[in-house]
Amino acid sequence: MKTNSKTDESNGSMQESEIDFRKLFDSLMDQKWILLGCMAGTLLLGLFYILETPKTYSATSVVQVEQEQNKFVNIEDINSEDLKQAEVLKTIEANLTSSSLLLDVIQNLKLKPEDLGMKPSKDGTPFTDEEEVMAFSGSVTVKLVRGTRLINITASNTNPLLAQAIADEIPKAYARINTAQRAGLSSEANKFLLEECDVLKHQVELAEQEAQDFKDAHPGVAMENSQDFYNEKLLALDAKLNDAKERLFKLQSDKTQADRLLAEAPTGDQTAELLKVPSVSNDANVLQLEGTVTNAEAALAQLAKRYRPKHPSYIQAQAQLDQLNKELSQAVYQAAEGLATSEKSAVQTEANFETEVKTLEKAKLANDKVAIPYNALSREVDTNRELYDEVRMRLKETEITRDIDSNEIRIATPAMLPLTPSKPKKMLVILASLLGGFILGTCVSYGMSVIDTSFTSVDEAERGLGAPALAGVPEFKKAPGDKQYLITHEPDGAIAEAFRTLRVSLSIESGEAERNVIMVTSAVPGEGKSFCAINAAISMAQLGQPTLLIDADLRLPTVADGLLGYRPKVGMNTVLTGKTTLEEAVQTVPGVPNLHVLAAGGRVSNPAELLARPRMRQILKEAAEKYPWVIIDSAPVLAVSDTLLLVKHVKSICFVIHAGKTPARVVKRAVDQIENAIQRKPTGIVLNHISHRNSSYYYYYSGDYGKGVYGATEKST
């Protein structure tokens, strides 16, 4: 059950999301002029931007970062620069837009402030270098091509020749600055290495002399590799000593356990318990006898399958097994008693290893007193010599490369003269303007749809009110002079089909036996309840069954005007007051067979009191007995109390809602009042005046399905 509920919740959320998008689409269709206006406005702004923005040309040169290192400072990989690293490439990329480099470009190309897009100051004050560099930096873009050692240098200017010259000049300026820096660094490095070489040479000579003097003073001691020899031998003895201690500990533990079991031997056989002692069970004689006993037991088991216990072969095998078990028991006891001897041997072995370790440690200590100082002197000699050789090699390299002009970058592709402006990008601006206008229009439409709380689709009305939708009626335009739109005007149209759907829905909802008294009402005036009541009655009369349409809206009656063309004095008011009978007040409708009308009659001063009389129940009962269908057009629920006096006398209530007009809270309040009056919701709802642009319209009435039927005149093809 939990799974089903979760599934329902997820389905519900998916439906809500779908309805939201549908509502947004419907809102866009209803307010398409707002959307088109926003798009037109942003398009005009885009065109104005295109016309007012100066044409800018862009030229791009491509430089490649060379794979090299500053050899003269690469001593033992200290301060090395691997140009493959992203950090170094990013550093070069940043240096290409440094202030000093841009200033050098400005001075070398003799760029004027107007060439940099700067407007002259009002007081004629010249611009500073910093201001020119700031203005110039906005027109230069340097970008590293990801995954390569290529850098794109793009320069923008209103003059295409200047754009090309700037793009080519930036890498040249970088090369000039880099060469000057390298020359200064090479001279300083060469001077430093000469001084350092002399110092290291003197240190090597002193270290070699000290090592030789120490060796001459101790002629009988092994100097080279003596520590390694003693260390390796000590490690081997330590391992053997640890093994001996471990073996002794195990033997002592096993002996203690075996002695306890041997002491208990007179009270019973302890063979099985002794076999649990590792030193006893691992005895060679015990292991061999255990294997023999196992084989004998297997052989006896095979004989037991063939012979009975009294068979000679079985008896012989059993005797051999008993003898082997006896020998095994004796071997176990002998192994247990022999643990004392093994323990003594292990103690002696441990003592011997400890003596050897102590002797070797003393010898190592005596040798270390001499070898350690010598090794330290020897390492000092090696270190000084290696450093001295490295410095000499770097000194030679700097002397060779000092006069060589080496640059980190080279121009891979020179800048080409731009023929077309790069800015403004007309098509991009136009597309962005249209997209921005569409987004703005969508947001405005969505905002208006959020503010609008009315029901715009059948699904929204069903979900908001908890009542089923009987039909959805599309919007229409009345012909000039028509007081009411009748489905007989266009019997094959979408509106006529909507009321046929309403007819079927009412039949299904109320049932065959309870379909005769139906009330049509709404929350407030102007929602089309009388329109729906009249056309629903016409649709039912077209089934060939007598249908009575009662105008119970005694305050603002409209049924007679729509069907009869005039308002008779005789009607519901005279029947309720007893002046006429129902049969005398009912009139037939010209041109609509089987349709009868009980008009409201003349205006009365007390409509609520008349509808509250018991006579009203009798009238409806009499009408239901005579007419298969009785439809009541009542007053709006929230406008007056008349409808709440009638709801208890009807079988079905059809609630009409004007799509996109009446606020949802108003509709819900009216439905709640009906529910409080009769303890049930209305039978169903009719969403009236659905916009043709609304997706609900196409959902219910799409295409020309049904054209040319119901007596409509077919168009010749």
Foldseek 3Di string as FASTA:
>chain_A
DVVVVVVVVVVVVVVVVVVLVLLLLLLCLVPVVLLVVLLVVLLVVLVVCQVPDQFKAKWKFKKFFDQDWDLLPCFVNPPIDGCVDPVNLVVVLVVLLDLVLLLVLCVVVVDDQVFLVDDADPVRDDDDSVVSSVSQSVQWDWADDPPHRMIMIMGMTSDLVVNQSSNQVSVVSVLVVVLVVLLVVLVVSLVVLVVVLVVLVVLLVVLVVVLVVLCVVCVPADQPCPLVVLVVVLVVLVVVLVVLVVVLVLLVVLLVQLVVLVVCPVVHQCLVVLCVRVQLVPDPVLVVLVVVLVVLVVVLVVVVVVDPCPDPVNVVSVVVSVVSVVVSSVSSNVSSVCSVVVNVVSVVSSVVSVVVSVVSVVVSVVSCVSNVVSVVSVVSSVVSVVSSVSSVVSSVVSVVCSPPSDDRMDTPGRIDRGDGGPPPPSVVSSVVSSVVSSVVSSVVSSVVSVVQQFAQFQVVVCVLQVAHAQFEAAADDDDPPAPADECVVPCQDPRVVRLLSSLVSLCVLLDQVASAEEEFAEAAPPLCSLNSLLRNQLSVVVVVFAEEEEELALPDWDNCCNFVVDAAQAFPVCCLVVVDPPVVQKDDGPPRPNYIYGTSHDHDDCSQVSLLDPSVLVNSVVSVVVGVHYYYYYYRVNVDPNVLSCLVSGRAYEYGGERSPDRSVSRNVSQVSNCVSNVDGGSHYYHYHNYPSNVNCCVSDNDSPRPPDPPDDDDDD
